[in-house]
Amino acid sequence: MSASHILSFVIVAMLGSRLFPSPISSSVPTILQFPAKTTGAVHTLRIMTTQLLQEASQIIPNPQLLINVVSKRVRQLGLGHRPMVEVGPRASLTDIALKEIIAGKLTFEEQNASADGA
């Protein structure tokens, strides 16, 4: 037997399970492969969120303030507060907060600091 045949045999013996998978057994975890391409539904939801963000930015034009208002409301919704607008079954918490701003249900109040900084 030549050295190349022995080397081939050793490589196949070492990598055999990877090259020739055995039938599914309970002791070996199975990794399922899913397509990497996103579906049209995900793309549509992103477009909807972008449109909501543009509409909400007309009401609260300061981007930092808008982010803070949405963030605080998302936190509240995550804790179980009820939405103040009609929402669909696939609406994210961010979408709900943006819809509430657009509908005028969610506003903010600026607090001015006093002269002594308190």
C-alpha atoms as a PDB file:
ATOM      1  CA  MET A   1       0.000   0.000   0.000  1.00  0.00           C
ATOM      2  CA  SER A   2       1.452   3.384  -0.969  1.00  0.00           C
ATOM      3  CA  ALA A   3       1.805   6.360   1.334  1.00  0.00           C
ATOM      4  CA  SER A   4      -0.878   8.316  -0.558  1.00  0.00           C
ATOM      5  CA  HIS A   5      -3.376   5.466  -0.060  1.00  0.00           C
ATOM      6  CA  ILE A   6      -2.604   5.324   3.665  1.00  0.00           C
ATOM      7  CA  LEU A   7      -2.973   9.097   3.950  1.00  0.00           C
ATOM      8  CA  SER A   8      -6.304   8.959   2.108  1.00  0.00           C
ATOM      9  CA  PHE A   9      -7.495   6.187   4.412  1.00  0.00           C
ATOM     10  CA  VAL A  10      -6.509   8.177   7.539  1.00  0.00           C
ATOM     11  CA  ILE A  11      -8.242  11.330   6.279  1.00  0.00           C
ATOM     12  CA  VAL A  12     -11.426   9.422   5.430  1.00  0.00           C
ATOM     13  CA  ALA A  13     -11.311   7.682   8.833  1.00  0.00           C
ATOM     14  CA  MET A  14     -10.879  11.025  10.652  1.00  0.00           C
ATOM     15  CA  LEU A  15     -13.443  12.955   8.624  1.00  0.00           C
ATOM     16  CA  GLY A  16     -15.724  10.084   7.725  1.00  0.00           C
ATOM     17  CA  SER A  17     -18.593  11.285   9.883  1.00  0.00           C
ATOM     18  CA  ARG A  18     -18.435  14.689   8.246  1.00  0.00           C
ATOM     19  CA  LEU A  19     -18.116  13.372   4.709  1.00  0.00           C
ATOM     20  CA  PHE A  20     -20.681  10.604   5.091  1.00  0.00           C
ATOM     21  CA  PRO A  21     -23.287  11.628   7.664  1.00  0.00           C
ATOM     22  CA  SER A  22     -24.888   8.845   9.626  1.00  0.00           C
ATOM     23  CA  PRO A  23     -28.651   8.545  10.001  1.00  0.00           C
ATOM     24  CA  ILE A  24     -30.192  10.951  12.515  1.00  0.00           C
ATOM     25  CA  SER A  25     -29.758   9.686  16.046  1.00  0.00           C
ATOM     26  CA  SER A  26     -30.728  11.126  19.383  1.00  0.00           C
ATOM     27  CA  SER A  27     -27.112  11.479  20.548  1.00  0.00           C
ATOM     28  CA  VAL A  28     -25.998  13.776  17.723  1.00  0.00           C
ATOM     29  CA  PRO A  29     -27.620  17.213  17.434  1.00  0.00           C
ATOM     30  CA  THR A  30     -29.023  18.065  14.032  1.00  0.00           C
ATOM     31  CA  ILE A  31     -28.445  21.496  12.541  1.00  0.00           C
ATOM     32  CA  LEU A  32     -31.240  22.564  10.218  1.00  0.00           C
ATOM     33  CA  GLN A  33     -30.354  24.778   7.292  1.00  0.00           C
ATOM     34  CA  PHE A  34     -32.697  27.648   6.468  1.00  0.00           C
ATOM     35  CA  PRO A  35     -32.505  29.860   3.403  1.00  0.00           C
ATOM     36  CA  ALA A  36     -30.525  33.035   4.035  1.00  0.00           C
ATOM     37  CA  LYS A  37     -32.704  35.117   1.732  1.00  0.00           C
ATOM     38  CA  THR A  38     -35.288  37.186   3.611  1.00  0.00           C
ATOM     39  CA  THR A  39     -38.914  36.956   2.650  1.00  0.00           C
ATOM     40  CA  GLY A  40     -40.968  39.793   1.223  1.00  0.00           C
ATOM     41  CA  ALA A  41     -42.882  40.114   4.498  1.00  0.00           C
ATOM     42  CA  VAL A  42     -39.759  41.261   6.368  1.00  0.00           C
ATOM     43  CA  HIS A  43     -39.014  43.845   3.678  1.00  0.00           C
ATOM     44  CA  THR A  44     -42.606  45.114   3.790  1.00  0.00           C
ATOM     45  CA  LEU A  45     -42.483  45.499   7.585  1.00  0.00           C
ATOM     46  CA  ARG A  46     -39.266  47.543   7.318  1.00  0.00           C
ATOM     47  CA  ILE A  47     -40.864  49.846   4.747  1.00  0.00           C
ATOM     48  CA  MET A  48     -43.885  50.304   7.028  1.00  0.00           C
ATOM     49  CA  THR A  49     -41.658  51.200   9.999  1.00  0.00           C
ATOM     50  CA  THR A  50     -39.737  53.689   7.848  1.00  0.00           C
ATOM     51  CA  GLN A  51     -42.985  55.360   6.761  1.00  0.00           C
ATOM     52  CA  LEU A  52     -44.193  55.549  10.367  1.00  0.00           C
ATOM     53  CA  LEU A  53     -40.869  57.045  11.422  1.00  0.00           C
ATOM     54  CA  GLN A  54     -41.106  59.723   8.737  1.00  0.00           C
ATOM     55  CA  GLU A  55     -44.664  60.613   9.782  1.00  0.00           C
ATOM     56  CA  ALA A  56     -43.744  60.732  13.485  1.00  0.00           C
ATOM     57  CA  SER A  57     -40.746  62.957  12.718  1.00  0.00           C
ATOM     58  CA  GLN A  58     -43.194  65.523  11.319  1.00  0.00           C
ATOM     59  CA  ILE A  59     -44.785  65.712  14.775  1.00  0.00           C
ATOM     60  CA  ILE A  60     -41.565  65.509  16.834  1.00  0.00           C
ATOM     61  CA  PRO A  61     -38.898  66.973  14.512  1.00  0.00           C
ATOM     62  CA  ASN A  62     -35.993  66.618  16.979  1.00  0.00           C
ATOM     63  CA  PRO A  63     -34.551  63.115  16.266  1.00  0.00           C
ATOM     64  CA  GLN A  64     -33.042  62.696  19.753  1.00  0.00           C
ATOM     65  CA  LEU A  65     -36.307  63.645  21.416  1.00  0.00           C
ATOM     66  CA  LEU A  66     -38.262  61.333  19.101  1.00  0.00           C
ATOM     67  CA  ILE A  67     -35.949  58.435  19.955  1.00  0.00           C
ATOM     68  CA  ASN A  68     -36.335  59.112  23.674  1.00  0.00           C
ATOM     69  CA  VAL A  69     -40.141  59.298  23.490  1.00  0.00           C
ATOM     70  CA  VAL A  70     -40.384  56.106  21.420  1.00  0.00           C
ATOM     71  CA  SER A  71     -37.875  54.310  23.654  1.00  0.00           C
ATOM     72  CA  LYS A  72     -39.740  55.160  26.846  1.00  0.00           C
ATOM     73  CA  ARG A  73     -43.070  54.083  25.349  1.00  0.00           C
ATOM     74  CA  VAL A  74     -41.601  50.811  24.004  1.00  0.00           C
ATOM     75  CA  ARG A  75     -40.354  50.089  27.524  1.00  0.00           C
ATOM     76  CA  GLN A  76     -43.851  50.722  28.916  1.00  0.00           C
ATOM     77  CA  LEU A  77     -45.484  48.508  26.265  1.00  0.00           C
ATOM     78  CA  GLY A  78     -42.962  45.786  27.020  1.00  0.00           C
ATOM     79  CA  LEU A  79     -43.992  45.907  30.679  1.00  0.00           C
ATOM     80  CA  GLY A  80     -47.606  45.278  29.700  1.00  0.00           C
ATOM     81  CA  HIS A  81     -49.167  48.713  29.169  1.00  0.00           C
ATOM     82  CA  ARG A  82     -51.973  48.632  26.619  1.00  0.00           C
ATOM     83  CA  PRO A  83     -51.622  50.327  23.225  1.00  0.00           C
ATOM     84  CA  MET A  84     -53.656  53.513  22.782  1.00  0.00           C
ATOM     85  CA  VAL A  85     -54.244  52.843  19.058  1.00  0.00           C
ATOM     86  CA  GLU A  86     -55.530  49.934  16.982  1.00  0.00           C
ATOM     87  CA  VAL A  87     -52.688  47.582  16.093  1.00  0.00           C
ATOM     88  CA  GLY A  88     -52.354  44.530  13.921  1.00  0.00           C
ATOM     89  CA  PRO A  89     -51.106  41.162  15.119  1.00  0.00           C
ATOM     90  CA  ARG A  90     -47.626  41.645  13.625  1.00  0.00           C
ATOM     91  CA  ALA A  91     -47.018  45.210  14.807  1.00  0.00           C
ATOM     92  CA  SER A  92     -43.787  45.684  16.733  1.00  0.00           C
ATOM     93  CA  LEU A  93     -43.669  47.730  19.925  1.00  0.00           C
ATOM     94  CA  THR A  94     -41.775  50.430  18.027  1.00  0.00           C
ATOM     95  CA  ASP A  95     -44.509  50.597  15.386  1.00  0.00           C
ATOM     96  CA  ILE A  96     -47.148  50.911  18.105  1.00  0.00           C
ATOM     97  CA  ALA A  97     -45.277  53.788  19.766  1.00  0.00           C
ATOM     98  CA  LEU A  98     -44.846  55.562  16.412  1.00  0.00           C
ATOM     99  CA  LYS A  99     -48.557  55.116  15.593  1.00  0.00           C
ATOM    100  CA  GLU A 100     -49.448  56.588  18.990  1.00  0.00           C
ATOM    101  CA  ILE A 101     -47.319  59.664  18.252  1.00  0.00           C
ATOM    102  CA  ILE A 102     -48.868  60.056  14.784  1.00  0.00           C
ATOM    103  CA  ALA A 103     -52.400  59.726  16.225  1.00  0.00           C
ATOM    104  CA  GLY A 104     -51.656  62.409  18.831  1.00  0.00           C
ATOM    105  CA  LYS A 105     -52.142  59.962  21.704  1.00  0.00           C
ATOM    106  CA  LEU A 106     -48.531  60.208  22.862  1.00  0.00           C
ATOM    107  CA  THR A 107     -46.921  63.576  23.498  1.00  0.00           C
ATOM    108  CA  PHE A 108     -44.039  64.947  25.508  1.00  0.00           C
ATOM    109  CA  GLU A 109     -43.419  67.863  27.812  1.00  0.00           C
ATOM    110  CA  GLU A 110     -40.092  69.642  28.001  1.00  0.00           C
ATOM    111  CA  GLN A 111     -38.842  70.451  31.460  1.00  0.00           C
ATOM    112  CA  ASN A 112     -36.666  73.523  31.748  1.00  0.00           C
ATOM    113  CA  ALA A 113     -33.852  73.402  34.302  1.00  0.00           C
ATOM    114  CA  SER A 114     -34.018  76.062  37.012  1.00  0.00           C
ATOM    115  CA  ALA A 115     -31.291  78.659  37.445  1.00  0.00           C
ATOM    116  CA  ASP A 116     -29.595  76.709  40.243  1.00  0.00           C
ATOM    117  CA  GLY A 117     -29.424  73.528  38.106  1.00  0.00           C
ATOM    118  CA  ALA A 118     -31.901  71.503  40.186  1.00  0.00           C
END
